[in-house]
């Protein structure tokens, strides 16, 4: 078996232009650990494994974070809603994890004060809200400067004038943490790759390999080239999110606990149409809680929570989903009179929850659990974005037991609690703003306008030095292709350092533009497509297929299923 000594990744380890070489290197090798799934759960496991000195490989059948991990409410939050379900342990754990996620990557996670309005006859009363938020502060270990405040009617209205006035009694005011879920995933994975993990996207585990009745790796298929091969591993972890049960079926171990898929939809509006000043957490008529959050000149609102049994890879907004959110928004912000045609974009995601008999989607616990099959396959089921690091630690502790039984000694403990993720070497939250100021000045000196420079520094954190080294090439291509130099910087970096293989990878998950800057996509998509086609040497058929894929995503973001 593998030596167990993780090796530092090369500069080509996450370069999409070198992807074929990386796939060939993967085949036929023996690893300590194989991880199936490249969402936040798999990325977290990969990083944990690397810090324990394990030789690990990770495969993802789509783009990294293409499933649930790019389709959440985009909050690393403490689980206030779970107080209502009396899941105090969940609140305590994810609340503490939230602070760890923030400290290890301030460039992708930021505090967001949240308003919880209180209405006569509503779900929350003034007293219960005050007690609940205080308990939340205690359980989640909230630091002093971010502890809850109770606001009166006038202060509540001042902070968010759009709120419904009828029956308003005041509000609770507390902190959540806003994130870019896809970028959080990719930064965690980049750190794992830097520490020696072999990670590759668009590679599917077609079947599992066995030795003496024990799972021993997988038969792999390259989704882009059709090439197949094998990879062997002492331990295999199933971190496939909504597809966890699909992998368990391949292992003939889908018995006992199973997944319950639910769908969550979010709608995006331009700030000129929905000029929200303050993030708001509010309850709808049916008692479900929704978030309305301002971000980058837009306001997004969600989410729904309904049973889902259709295509896991392409969940869609339905007319019913859209109307539900519009009704909830217009009830809470009645002066807006939002209509379907005001929706600028949307996304839908599938939650891979552990089934609980007799409970409706909103009542099902978000707890995570490691399911162990007779073959030794470890499946990570359930869980939340916020708890990814702790989930990884939990399943890796179980994997360590398997390693010990197999005679593989020297597996240490998790070291991720204080480990900055890729881009996170900015001096923690305390040093972040000073870092942004200094690095923005350097980017301006390199030729960027200050607003663009600051935006990129906040996106890439301590990776900004690498981004700036691409400046001469980006400037040259920007002139040739009549594209903004900032866009070329993002694109070049995404391809060479973040394994961006297709246009949708860039426009949805690396930049978020399809969700939050649709006009940018419309303006630049053709030039970007031509550039990528030249770089990768796509055939005409592949080029057309990728262009059609992007057009389909653009259409699906605004056109609901019936």
Protein backbone atom coordinates (compact mmCIF):
# COMPACT_ATOMS: atom_id res chain seq x y z
CA UNK A 1 0.00 0.00 0.00
CA UNK A 2 0.92 3.68 -0.12
CA UNK A 3 3.71 4.99 2.01
CA UNK A 4 1.37 7.42 3.70
CA UNK A 5 3.67 10.38 3.30
CA UNK A 6 1.71 13.20 1.70
CA UNK A 7 3.79 15.19 -0.78
CA UNK A 8 3.44 18.84 -1.66
CA UNK A 9 1.41 19.37 -4.84
CA UNK A 10 3.14 20.78 -7.90
CA UNK A 11 2.14 24.04 -9.56
CA UNK A 12 0.40 21.96 -12.24
CA UNK A 13 -1.64 19.92 -9.75
CA UNK A 14 -4.77 22.02 -10.25
CA UNK A 15 -4.12 23.35 -13.75
CA UNK A 16 -7.02 22.42 -16.04
CA UNK A 17 -4.69 22.62 -19.06
CA UNK A 18 -2.69 19.75 -17.50
CA UNK A 19 -5.77 17.77 -16.51
CA UNK A 20 -5.13 14.80 -18.83
CA UNK A 21 -1.68 14.37 -17.32
CA UNK A 22 -3.17 14.49 -13.83
CA UNK A 23 -5.74 11.82 -14.71
CA UNK A 24 -3.05 9.56 -16.14
CA UNK A 25 -0.98 9.98 -12.97
CA UNK A 26 -4.01 8.99 -10.91
CA UNK A 27 -4.55 5.66 -12.67
CA UNK A 28 -2.93 2.53 -11.33
CA UNK A 29 -1.69 4.19 -8.17
CA UNK A 30 -2.33 2.97 -4.66
CA UNK A 31 -3.47 5.47 -2.06
CA UNK A 32 -4.12 5.43 1.63
CA UNK A 33 -7.47 7.10 1.02
CA UNK A 34 -9.89 7.56 -1.89
CA UNK A 35 -12.59 10.20 -1.49
CA UNK A 36 -15.61 10.09 -3.80
CA UNK A 37 -17.22 13.54 -4.03
CA UNK A 38 -15.79 17.04 -4.50
CA UNK A 39 -18.29 19.17 -2.63
CA UNK A 40 -17.51 20.86 0.68
CA UNK A 41 -17.71 17.55 2.56
CA UNK A 42 -15.20 15.80 0.30
CA UNK A 43 -12.96 18.86 0.21
CA UNK A 44 -12.94 19.02 4.00
CA UNK A 45 -12.08 15.32 4.25
CA UNK A 46 -9.26 15.74 1.73
CA UNK A 47 -7.74 18.58 3.74
CA UNK A 48 -8.04 16.70 7.01
CA UNK A 49 -6.42 13.63 5.45
CA UNK A 50 -3.54 15.67 4.07
CA UNK A 51 -2.79 17.19 7.47
CA UNK A 52 -2.58 13.69 8.95
CA UNK A 53 0.12 12.73 6.45
CA UNK A 54 -2.04 10.46 4.30
CA UNK A 55 -1.64 9.91 0.58
CA UNK A 56 -5.14 10.77 -0.64
CA UNK A 57 -7.01 11.07 -3.93
CA UNK A 58 -10.36 12.76 -4.56
CA UNK A 59 -12.63 12.35 -7.60
CA UNK A 60 -15.72 14.38 -8.49
CA UNK A 61 -18.02 13.38 -11.35
CA UNK A 62 -19.00 17.02 -12.09
CA UNK A 63 -17.18 20.26 -11.40
CA UNK A 64 -16.10 20.78 -7.82
CA UNK A 65 -19.00 22.17 -5.74
CA UNK A 66 -21.42 21.68 -8.66
CA UNK A 67 -23.96 19.93 -6.45
CA UNK A 68 -25.31 21.16 -3.13
CA UNK A 69 -22.10 23.04 -2.27
CA UNK A 70 -22.80 25.84 -4.75
CA UNK A 71 -26.56 25.91 -4.19
CA UNK A 72 -26.99 26.78 -0.50
CA UNK A 73 -28.22 29.97 1.16
CA UNK A 74 -24.55 30.99 1.14
CA UNK A 75 -24.38 31.41 4.89
CA UNK A 76 -21.99 29.85 7.36
CA UNK A 77 -24.56 30.19 10.09
CA UNK A 78 -25.06 29.00 13.63
CA UNK A 79 -28.37 27.25 13.13
CA UNK A 80 -30.74 29.54 15.00
CA UNK A 81 -33.69 27.69 13.47
CA UNK A 82 -32.60 24.51 15.26
CA UNK A 83 -33.40 26.06 18.64
CA UNK A 84 -37.05 25.78 17.61
CA UNK A 85 -36.50 22.04 17.10
CA UNK A 86 -34.65 21.81 20.44
CA UNK A 87 -31.50 20.55 18.68
CA UNK A 88 -29.21 22.29 21.14
CA UNK A 89 -26.21 20.11 20.29
CA UNK A 90 -26.44 21.11 16.62
CA UNK A 91 -26.62 24.81 17.56
CA UNK A 92 -23.60 24.51 19.85
CA UNK A 93 -21.45 22.62 17.37
CA UNK A 94 -22.16 24.59 14.20
CA UNK A 95 -22.00 27.88 16.11
CA UNK A 96 -18.48 27.14 17.25
CA UNK A 97 -17.51 25.79 13.82
CA UNK A 98 -18.75 28.99 12.23
CA UNK A 99 -16.08 30.97 14.07
CA UNK A 100 -13.39 28.50 12.96
CA UNK A 101 -14.45 28.71 9.31
CA UNK A 102 -14.32 32.49 9.52
CA UNK A 103 -10.86 32.66 11.08
CA UNK A 104 -9.38 30.21 8.59
CA UNK A 105 -10.73 32.05 5.55
CA UNK A 106 -11.83 35.66 6.17
CA UNK A 107 -11.69 36.34 2.42
CA UNK A 108 -14.63 34.00 1.74
CA UNK A 109 -16.60 34.46 4.96
CA UNK A 110 -17.74 37.71 6.53
CA UNK A 111 -19.98 38.70 9.49
CA UNK A 112 -23.48 39.79 8.48
CA UNK A 113 -25.80 41.40 11.03
CA UNK A 114 -29.24 39.86 10.67
CA UNK A 115 -32.58 41.45 11.57
CA UNK A 116 -35.28 39.14 12.98
CA UNK A 117 -38.51 41.19 12.94
CA UNK A 118 -41.15 40.48 15.57
CA UNK A 119 -44.84 40.84 14.73
CA UNK A 120 -48.03 40.64 16.72
CA UNK A 121 -49.35 37.11 16.28
CA UNK A 122 -46.14 35.98 14.58
CA UNK A 123 -44.00 32.91 15.23
CA UNK A 124 -41.67 34.81 17.55
CA UNK A 125 -42.59 37.03 20.48
CA UNK A 126 -40.34 39.66 22.02
CA UNK A 127 -39.62 37.63 25.13
CA UNK A 128 -39.09 34.31 23.33
CA UNK A 129 -36.84 36.01 20.75
CA UNK A 130 -34.74 37.65 23.45
CA UNK A 131 -34.34 34.40 25.38
CA UNK A 132 -33.76 32.38 22.21
CA UNK A 133 -31.05 34.69 20.91
CA UNK A 134 -29.38 34.80 24.31
CA UNK A 135 -29.37 31.01 24.43
CA UNK A 136 -28.04 30.99 20.90
CA UNK A 137 -25.18 33.31 21.92
CA UNK A 138 -24.36 31.01 24.84
CA UNK A 139 -24.53 27.71 22.94
CA UNK A 140 -22.70 29.00 19.88
CA UNK A 141 -19.98 30.75 21.90
CA UNK A 142 -20.66 34.07 20.17
CA UNK A 143 -17.95 36.65 20.90
CA UNK A 144 -18.91 39.74 22.85
CA UNK A 145 -19.01 42.22 19.97
CA UNK A 146 -21.42 40.02 18.00
CA UNK A 147 -23.93 39.16 20.71
CA UNK A 148 -27.61 39.78 20.17
CA UNK A 149 -29.40 43.07 20.67
CA UNK A 150 -33.11 43.74 20.97
CA UNK A 151 -34.39 46.71 18.93
CA UNK A 152 -37.57 48.74 19.19
CA UNK A 153 -39.94 49.56 16.36
CA UNK A 154 -38.29 52.83 15.32
CA UNK A 155 -34.77 51.40 15.27
CA UNK A 156 -35.98 48.31 13.41
CA UNK A 157 -37.64 50.48 10.77
CA UNK A 158 -34.59 52.71 10.51
CA UNK A 159 -32.37 49.73 9.77
CA UNK A 160 -34.77 48.33 7.17
CA UNK A 161 -37.44 50.74 5.89
CA UNK A 162 -38.95 48.15 3.53
CA UNK A 163 -40.29 46.00 6.37
CA UNK A 164 -44.03 45.62 6.81
CA UNK A 165 -45.16 48.09 9.48
CA UNK A 166 -48.49 46.57 10.45
CA UNK A 167 -48.14 44.71 13.74
CA UNK A 168 -44.38 45.32 14.01
CA UNK A 169 -43.23 45.13 17.65
CA UNK A 170 -39.46 45.40 17.19
CA UNK A 171 -36.75 42.93 16.30
CA UNK A 172 -33.85 40.80 17.37
CA UNK A 173 -30.47 41.72 15.92
CA UNK A 174 -27.73 39.10 15.72
CA UNK A 175 -24.78 38.01 13.56
CA UNK A 176 -24.63 35.33 10.91
CA UNK A 177 -21.74 34.81 8.47
CA UNK A 178 -22.17 35.27 4.72
CA UNK A 179 -20.02 33.21 2.39
CA UNK A 180 -19.51 32.22 -1.21
CA UNK A 181 -20.18 28.51 -0.81
CA UNK A 182 -18.56 27.42 -4.09
CA UNK A 183 -15.44 29.48 -3.46
CA UNK A 184 -15.22 28.21 0.11
CA UNK A 185 -15.24 24.68 -1.29
CA UNK A 186 -12.59 25.40 -3.91
CA UNK A 187 -10.32 27.18 -1.41
CA UNK A 188 -10.50 24.23 1.01
CA UNK A 189 -9.73 21.84 -1.83
CA UNK A 190 -6.86 23.99 -3.16
CA UNK A 191 -5.26 23.84 0.27
CA UNK A 192 -5.61 20.06 0.27
CA UNK A 193 -4.00 19.89 -3.18
CA UNK A 194 -1.19 22.18 -2.01
CA UNK A 195 -0.54 19.65 0.78
CA UNK A 196 -0.37 16.75 -1.67
CA UNK A 197 -3.92 15.51 -2.31
CA UNK A 198 -4.53 14.34 -5.90
CA UNK A 199 -7.93 15.88 -6.78
CA UNK A 200 -9.60 15.86 -10.18
CA UNK A 201 -13.03 16.88 -11.45
CA UNK A 202 -15.26 15.30 -14.09
CA UNK A 203 -14.13 11.81 -13.05
CA UNK A 204 -16.86 9.36 -12.05
CA UNK A 205 -16.53 6.31 -9.82
CA UNK A 206 -18.33 3.82 -12.07
CA UNK A 207 -17.94 0.91 -9.67
CA UNK A 208 -16.04 -0.08 -6.54
CA UNK A 209 -13.12 -2.49 -6.33
CA UNK A 210 -12.89 -5.21 -3.68
CA UNK A 211 -10.23 -7.40 -2.13
CA UNK A 212 -11.28 -10.18 0.22
CA UNK A 213 -14.72 -8.62 0.59
CA UNK A 214 -13.35 -5.21 1.54
CA UNK A 215 -13.69 -2.10 -0.62
CA UNK A 216 -10.29 -1.35 -2.13
CA UNK A 217 -10.76 1.58 -4.50
CA UNK A 218 -12.80 2.30 -7.61
CA UNK A 219 -13.11 1.92 -11.36
CA UNK A 220 -12.99 5.45 -12.76
CA UNK A 221 -14.30 7.06 -15.93
CA UNK A 222 -13.10 10.42 -17.25
CA UNK A 223 -16.33 12.22 -18.12
CA UNK A 224 -14.55 14.52 -20.59
CA UNK A 225 -12.51 11.98 -22.57
CA UNK A 226 -14.20 8.65 -21.85
CA UNK A 227 -10.93 7.12 -20.63
CA UNK A 228 -11.28 4.51 -17.89
CA UNK A 229 -8.91 3.13 -15.29
CA UNK A 230 -8.55 2.02 -11.70
CA UNK A 231 -7.30 3.53 -8.49
CA UNK A 232 -6.70 1.45 -5.37
CA UNK A 233 -6.97 2.64 -1.79
CA UNK A 234 -6.74 1.17 1.67
CA UNK A 235 -9.82 3.14 2.79
CA UNK A 236 -12.61 4.63 0.65
CA UNK A 237 -14.92 7.42 1.83
CA UNK A 238 -18.22 8.16 0.13
CA UNK A 239 -18.78 11.93 0.35
CA UNK A 240 -21.06 12.18 -2.68
CA UNK A 241 -23.71 14.41 -1.08
CA UNK A 242 -27.08 13.75 -2.76
CA UNK A 243 -25.50 10.71 -4.45
CA UNK A 244 -24.36 9.02 -1.22
CA UNK A 245 -27.05 6.35 -1.57
CA UNK A 246 -26.10 5.82 -5.24
CA UNK A 247 -22.58 4.88 -4.13
CA UNK A 248 -24.02 2.70 -1.35
CA UNK A 249 -26.07 0.89 -3.99
CA UNK A 250 -22.88 0.12 -5.91
CA UNK A 251 -21.58 -1.33 -2.63
CA UNK A 252 -24.85 -3.25 -2.05
CA UNK A 253 -25.06 -1.59 1.36
CA UNK A 254 -28.04 0.74 1.01
CA UNK A 255 -29.76 -0.68 4.06
CA UNK A 256 -31.10 0.86 7.23
CA UNK A 257 -30.79 4.65 7.17
CA UNK A 258 -31.25 6.32 3.79
CA UNK A 259 -31.21 9.83 2.38
CA UNK A 260 -34.24 12.09 2.12
CA UNK A 261 -33.76 14.69 -0.61
CA UNK A 262 -35.37 18.09 -0.25
CA UNK A 263 -35.08 21.07 -2.59
CA UNK A 264 -34.31 24.68 -1.74
CA UNK A 265 -34.80 27.54 -4.21
CA UNK A 266 -33.46 31.11 -4.06
CA UNK A 267 -34.42 34.11 -6.20
CA UNK A 268 -32.12 37.02 -7.12
CA UNK A 269 -33.27 40.62 -7.73
CA UNK A 270 -31.39 43.74 -8.70
CA UNK A 271 -30.96 46.16 -5.80
CA UNK A 272 -32.71 48.89 -7.78
CA UNK A 273 -35.84 46.73 -7.78
CA UNK A 274 -35.34 45.28 -4.28
CA UNK A 275 -33.28 47.92 -2.41
CA UNK A 276 -32.74 45.91 0.76
CA UNK A 277 -30.41 47.71 3.18
CA UNK A 278 -30.19 45.07 5.87
CA UNK A 279 -30.17 41.25 5.87
CA UNK A 280 -33.47 39.96 7.27
CA UNK A 281 -34.51 36.56 8.65
CA UNK A 282 -38.29 36.24 8.70
CA UNK A 283 -41.10 33.71 8.84
CA UNK A 284 -43.63 33.08 6.08
CA UNK A 285 -47.33 32.31 6.49
CA UNK A 286 -46.64 28.58 6.81
CA UNK A 287 -44.05 29.13 9.54
CA UNK A 288 -41.01 28.44 7.37
CA UNK A 289 -38.12 30.85 7.88
CA UNK A 290 -36.60 32.70 4.93
CA UNK A 291 -33.51 34.88 4.47
CA UNK A 292 -33.36 38.08 2.41
CA UNK A 293 -29.74 39.16 1.95
CA UNK A 294 -28.10 42.08 0.07
CA UNK A 295 -25.00 41.11 -1.88
CA UNK A 296 -22.92 42.88 -4.55
CA UNK A 297 -25.70 45.14 -5.81
CA UNK A 298 -28.31 42.37 -5.68
CA UNK A 299 -30.77 40.99 -3.15
CA UNK A 300 -31.36 37.27 -2.92
CA UNK A 301 -34.12 35.58 -0.98
CA UNK A 302 -34.94 31.99 -0.04
CA UNK A 303 -35.38 29.24 0.58
CA UNK A 304 -38.09 26.70 -0.08
CA UNK A 305 -38.05 23.25 1.51
CA UNK A 306 -39.92 20.59 -0.43
CA UNK A 307 -39.49 16.88 -1.09
CA UNK A 308 -37.49 16.18 -4.24
CA UNK A 309 -37.35 13.01 -6.33
CA UNK A 310 -36.22 14.24 -9.77
CA UNK A 311 -32.83 14.81 -11.45
CA UNK A 312 -30.25 15.33 -8.68
CA UNK A 313 -27.76 17.02 -11.01
CA UNK A 314 -30.18 19.60 -12.40
CA UNK A 315 -32.76 20.69 -9.82
CA UNK A 316 -35.00 23.44 -11.16
CA UNK A 317 -37.09 26.27 -9.84
CA UNK A 318 -40.77 25.60 -10.50
CA UNK A 319 -43.54 28.15 -10.98
CA UNK A 320 -44.83 27.11 -7.54
CA UNK A 321 -41.41 27.66 -5.92
CA UNK A 322 -41.10 31.10 -7.47
CA UNK A 323 -44.59 32.14 -6.42
CA UNK A 324 -44.06 30.91 -2.86
CA UNK A 325 -40.99 33.10 -2.44
CA UNK A 326 -42.61 36.08 -4.19
CA UNK A 327 -45.63 35.80 -1.89
CA UNK A 328 -43.41 35.64 1.20
CA UNK A 329 -41.33 38.61 0.01
CA UNK A 330 -44.36 40.74 -0.81
CA UNK A 331 -45.91 39.96 2.55
CA UNK A 332 -42.78 41.05 4.44
CA UNK A 333 -41.84 43.91 2.08
CA UNK A 334 -45.30 44.99 0.79
CA UNK A 335 -44.27 48.25 -0.89
CA UNK A 336 -42.17 46.36 -3.46
CA UNK A 337 -44.96 44.43 -5.21
CA UNK A 338 -42.45 42.07 -6.73
CA UNK A 339 -43.48 40.11 -9.80
CA UNK A 340 -42.13 37.10 -11.66
CA UNK A 341 -40.52 39.27 -14.33
CA UNK A 342 -38.45 41.02 -11.64
CA UNK A 343 -36.51 37.81 -10.95
CA UNK A 344 -33.05 38.31 -12.44
CA UNK A 345 -31.67 34.88 -11.63
CA UNK A 346 -32.24 31.90 -9.36
CA UNK A 347 -30.72 28.67 -8.17
CA UNK A 348 -32.04 25.41 -6.77
CA UNK A 349 -30.19 22.92 -4.59
CA UNK A 350 -30.81 19.47 -3.17
CA UNK A 351 -30.29 18.79 0.54
CA UNK A 352 -29.06 15.25 1.28
CA UNK A 353 -30.78 14.75 4.66
CA UNK A 354 -31.01 11.54 6.66
CA UNK A 355 -34.60 10.28 6.42
CA UNK A 356 -36.78 10.55 9.51
CA UNK A 357 -40.14 8.83 9.27
CA UNK A 358 -43.21 11.02 9.61
CA UNK A 359 -41.40 14.37 9.46
CA UNK A 360 -41.97 17.01 6.81
CA UNK A 361 -38.96 18.49 4.97
CA UNK A 362 -38.52 21.48 7.30
CA UNK A 363 -38.62 19.26 10.40
CA UNK A 364 -35.95 16.77 9.32
CA UNK A 365 -32.72 17.13 11.28
CA UNK A 366 -29.63 18.51 9.57
CA UNK A 367 -27.44 16.24 11.66
CA UNK A 368 -24.63 14.35 10.00
CA UNK A 369 -23.74 10.71 10.50
CA UNK A 370 -21.09 8.28 9.27
CA UNK A 371 -22.66 5.11 7.84
CA UNK A 372 -20.31 2.10 7.84
CA UNK A 373 -20.95 -0.74 5.41
CA UNK A 374 -19.84 -4.37 5.89
CA UNK A 375 -17.24 -3.80 3.15
CA UNK A 376 -15.68 -0.99 5.15
CA UNK A 377 -17.02 1.81 2.91
CA UNK A 378 -17.48 4.94 5.01
CA UNK A 379 -20.40 7.14 3.89
CA UNK A 380 -20.77 10.70 5.20
CA UNK A 381 -24.51 11.48 5.22
CA UNK A 382 -26.48 14.59 6.17
CA UNK A 383 -24.81 17.64 7.64
CA UNK A 384 -24.48 21.33 6.86
CA UNK A 385 -22.04 23.60 5.06
CA UNK A 386 -21.04 25.19 8.38
CA UNK A 387 -20.04 21.88 9.93
CA UNK A 388 -17.86 20.62 7.08
CA UNK A 389 -14.57 20.71 9.05
CA UNK A 390 -15.98 18.85 12.04
CA UNK A 391 -17.68 16.32 9.76
CA UNK A 392 -14.33 15.67 8.10
CA UNK A 393 -12.64 15.21 11.46
CA UNK A 394 -15.35 12.77 12.56
CA UNK A 395 -15.17 10.51 9.51
CA UNK A 396 -11.37 10.64 9.43
CA UNK A 397 -11.27 9.50 13.06
CA UNK A 398 -13.29 6.46 11.99
CA UNK A 399 -11.00 5.95 8.99
CA UNK A 400 -8.04 6.02 11.38
CA UNK A 401 -9.53 2.99 13.15
CA UNK A 402 -9.64 1.13 9.83
CA UNK A 403 -6.05 2.09 9.09
CA UNK A 404 -4.99 0.78 12.50
CA UNK A 405 -6.74 -2.56 11.91
CA UNK A 406 -4.96 -2.84 8.56
CA UNK A 407 -1.60 -2.24 10.21
CA UNK A 408 -1.19 1.31 8.91
CA UNK A 409 0.29 3.15 11.88
CA UNK A 410 1.11 6.80 12.54
CA UNK A 411 -2.24 8.40 11.67
CA UNK A 412 -2.25 11.55 13.75
CA UNK A 413 -5.09 13.78 14.86
CA UNK A 414 -6.84 16.46 12.84
CA UNK A 415 -4.86 19.70 12.45
CA UNK A 416 -7.44 21.77 10.58
CA UNK A 417 -8.90 23.79 13.46
CA UNK A 418 -6.34 26.58 13.07
CA UNK A 419 -5.16 25.91 9.51
CA UNK A 420 -5.84 28.74 7.02
CA UNK A 421 -7.41 27.54 3.80
CA UNK A 422 -6.02 28.62 0.43
CA UNK A 423 -6.07 32.42 0.28
CA UNK A 424 -6.56 32.61 4.03
CA UNK A 425 -3.05 33.64 5.08
CA UNK A 426 -4.18 37.18 5.86
CA UNK A 427 -3.57 37.40 9.59
CA UNK A 428 -6.96 36.03 10.59
CA UNK A 429 -10.03 38.19 10.97
CA UNK A 430 -8.08 40.72 13.04
CA UNK A 431 -5.53 41.35 10.30
CA UNK A 432 -7.79 40.98 7.29
CA UNK A 433 -8.77 44.61 6.67
CA UNK A 434 -5.18 45.80 6.95
CA UNK A 435 -4.19 43.06 4.51
CA UNK A 436 -6.88 44.20 2.06
CA UNK A 437 -5.66 47.80 2.27
CA UNK A 438 -2.02 46.88 1.64
CA UNK A 439 -2.70 44.39 -1.14
CA UNK A 440 -5.17 46.71 -2.85
CA UNK A 441 -2.45 49.36 -3.04
CA UNK A 442 -0.12 46.80 -4.62
CA UNK A 443 -2.78 45.83 -7.16
CA UNK A 444 -3.38 49.49 -8.03
CA UNK A 445 0.35 49.92 -8.53
CA UNK A 446 0.23 46.95 -10.90
CA UNK A 447 -2.33 48.75 -13.05
CA UNK A 448 -5.80 47.96 -11.68
CA UNK A 449 -8.42 50.56 -10.81
CA UNK A 450 -8.93 50.74 -7.06
CA UNK A 451 -12.52 49.32 -6.97
CA UNK A 452 -11.46 46.39 -9.14
CA UNK A 453 -8.30 45.87 -7.12
CA UNK A 454 -10.17 45.73 -3.82
CA UNK A 455 -12.84 43.40 -5.20
CA UNK A 456 -10.22 40.94 -6.41
CA UNK A 457 -8.22 41.12 -3.17
CA UNK A 458 -11.37 40.35 -1.20
CA UNK A 459 -12.11 37.43 -3.50
CA UNK A 460 -8.65 35.85 -3.65
CA UNK A 461 -7.13 36.83 -0.31
CA UNK A 462 -3.48 35.84 -0.01
CA UNK A 463 -3.59 34.28 -3.49
CA UNK A 464 -3.66 37.80 -4.92
CA UNK A 465 0.10 37.74 -5.49
CA UNK A 466 -0.35 34.79 -7.84
CA UNK A 467 -3.23 36.57 -9.58
CA UNK A 468 -1.08 39.67 -10.14
CA UNK A 469 1.69 37.60 -11.71
CA UNK A 470 -0.79 36.91 -14.51
CA UNK A 471 -1.20 40.64 -15.16
CA UNK A 472 1.03 41.00 -18.26
CA UNK A 473 -0.70 38.12 -20.04
CA UNK A 474 -4.14 39.33 -18.96
CA UNK A 475 -3.44 42.84 -20.24
CA UNK A 476 -2.32 41.50 -23.60
CA UNK A 477 -5.35 39.24 -23.98
CA UNK A 478 -7.71 41.98 -22.78
CA UNK A 479 -6.61 44.19 -25.68
CA UNK A 480 -6.79 41.36 -28.22
CA UNK A 481 -10.19 40.14 -27.12
CA UNK A 482 -11.77 43.41 -25.99
CA UNK A 483 -12.46 42.04 -22.52
CA UNK A 484 -11.90 43.70 -19.12
CA UNK A 485 -8.46 42.92 -17.75
CA UNK A 486 -10.03 41.95 -14.42
CA UNK A 487 -12.11 39.30 -16.16
CA UNK A 488 -9.03 37.88 -17.87
CA UNK A 489 -7.22 37.78 -14.53
CA UNK A 490 -10.07 35.83 -12.94
CA UNK A 491 -10.35 33.48 -15.91
CA UNK A 492 -6.64 32.74 -16.25
CA UNK A 493 -6.33 32.11 -12.52
CA UNK A 494 -9.44 29.90 -12.51
CA UNK A 495 -8.09 27.74 -15.34
CA UNK A 496 -4.49 27.41 -14.15
CA UNK A 497 -4.98 27.23 -10.39
CA UNK A 498 -8.60 26.09 -9.86
CA UNK A 499 -9.12 23.36 -12.50
CA UNK A 500 -11.79 25.25 -14.44
CA UNK A 501 -12.59 23.04 -17.43
CA UNK A 502 -15.81 24.42 -18.89
CA UNK A 503 -17.41 27.86 -19.27
CA UNK A 504 -20.14 27.00 -16.73
CA UNK A 505 -17.45 26.20 -14.15
CA UNK A 506 -16.17 29.75 -14.45
CA UNK A 507 -19.43 31.66 -14.80
CA UNK A 508 -21.29 29.84 -12.03
CA UNK A 509 -18.87 28.47 -9.45
CA UNK A 510 -15.56 30.39 -9.76
CA UNK A 511 -17.00 33.87 -10.33
CA UNK A 512 -20.69 33.61 -9.34
CA UNK A 513 -21.50 35.88 -12.27
CA UNK A 514 -24.39 33.85 -13.66
CA UNK A 515 -26.15 34.24 -10.32
CA UNK A 516 -25.20 37.79 -9.36
CA UNK A 517 -24.06 39.57 -12.53
CA UNK A 518 -26.04 38.08 -15.39
CA UNK A 519 -25.37 41.07 -17.67
CA UNK A 520 -21.61 40.44 -17.37
CA UNK A 521 -22.12 36.91 -18.61
CA UNK A 522 -24.25 38.10 -21.53
CA UNK A 523 -21.67 40.73 -22.52
CA UNK A 524 -18.57 38.57 -22.30
CA UNK A 525 -19.59 34.93 -22.75
CA UNK A 526 -18.81 34.68 -26.47
CA UNK A 527 -15.31 36.14 -26.16
CA UNK A 528 -14.57 34.02 -23.10
CA UNK A 529 -15.81 30.94 -24.92
CA UNK A 530 -13.57 31.56 -27.93
CA UNK A 531 -10.55 32.10 -25.67
CA UNK A 532 -11.20 28.91 -23.70
CA UNK A 533 -11.76 26.95 -26.93
CA UNK A 534 -8.33 28.08 -28.18
CA UNK A 535 -6.57 27.33 -24.89
CA UNK A 536 -8.06 23.85 -24.53
CA UNK A 537 -8.16 22.99 -28.24
CA UNK A 538 -11.82 21.94 -28.18
CA UNK A 539 -13.27 20.24 -31.22
CA UNK A 540 -16.23 21.94 -32.91
CA UNK A 541 -18.59 19.44 -31.33
CA UNK A 542 -17.26 19.99 -27.82
CA UNK A 543 -17.26 23.77 -28.28
CA UNK A 544 -20.90 23.77 -29.37
CA UNK A 545 -21.88 21.47 -26.51
CA UNK A 546 -20.26 23.73 -23.90
CA UNK A 547 -21.83 26.84 -25.42
CA UNK A 548 -25.24 25.15 -25.35
CA UNK A 549 -24.65 24.11 -21.74
CA UNK A 550 -24.09 27.72 -20.69
CA UNK A 551 -27.15 28.93 -22.62
CA UNK A 552 -29.23 26.25 -20.90
CA UNK A 553 -28.02 27.39 -17.47
CA UNK A 554 -28.81 31.02 -18.31
CA UNK A 555 -32.28 30.02 -19.42
CA UNK A 556 -32.97 27.75 -16.43
CA UNK A 557 -32.00 30.51 -14.00
CA UNK A 558 -35.02 32.59 -15.05
CA UNK A 559 -37.44 30.11 -16.63
CA UNK A 560 -39.25 27.83 -14.18
CA UNK A 561 -40.50 24.33 -14.72
CA UNK A 562 -44.25 24.09 -14.57
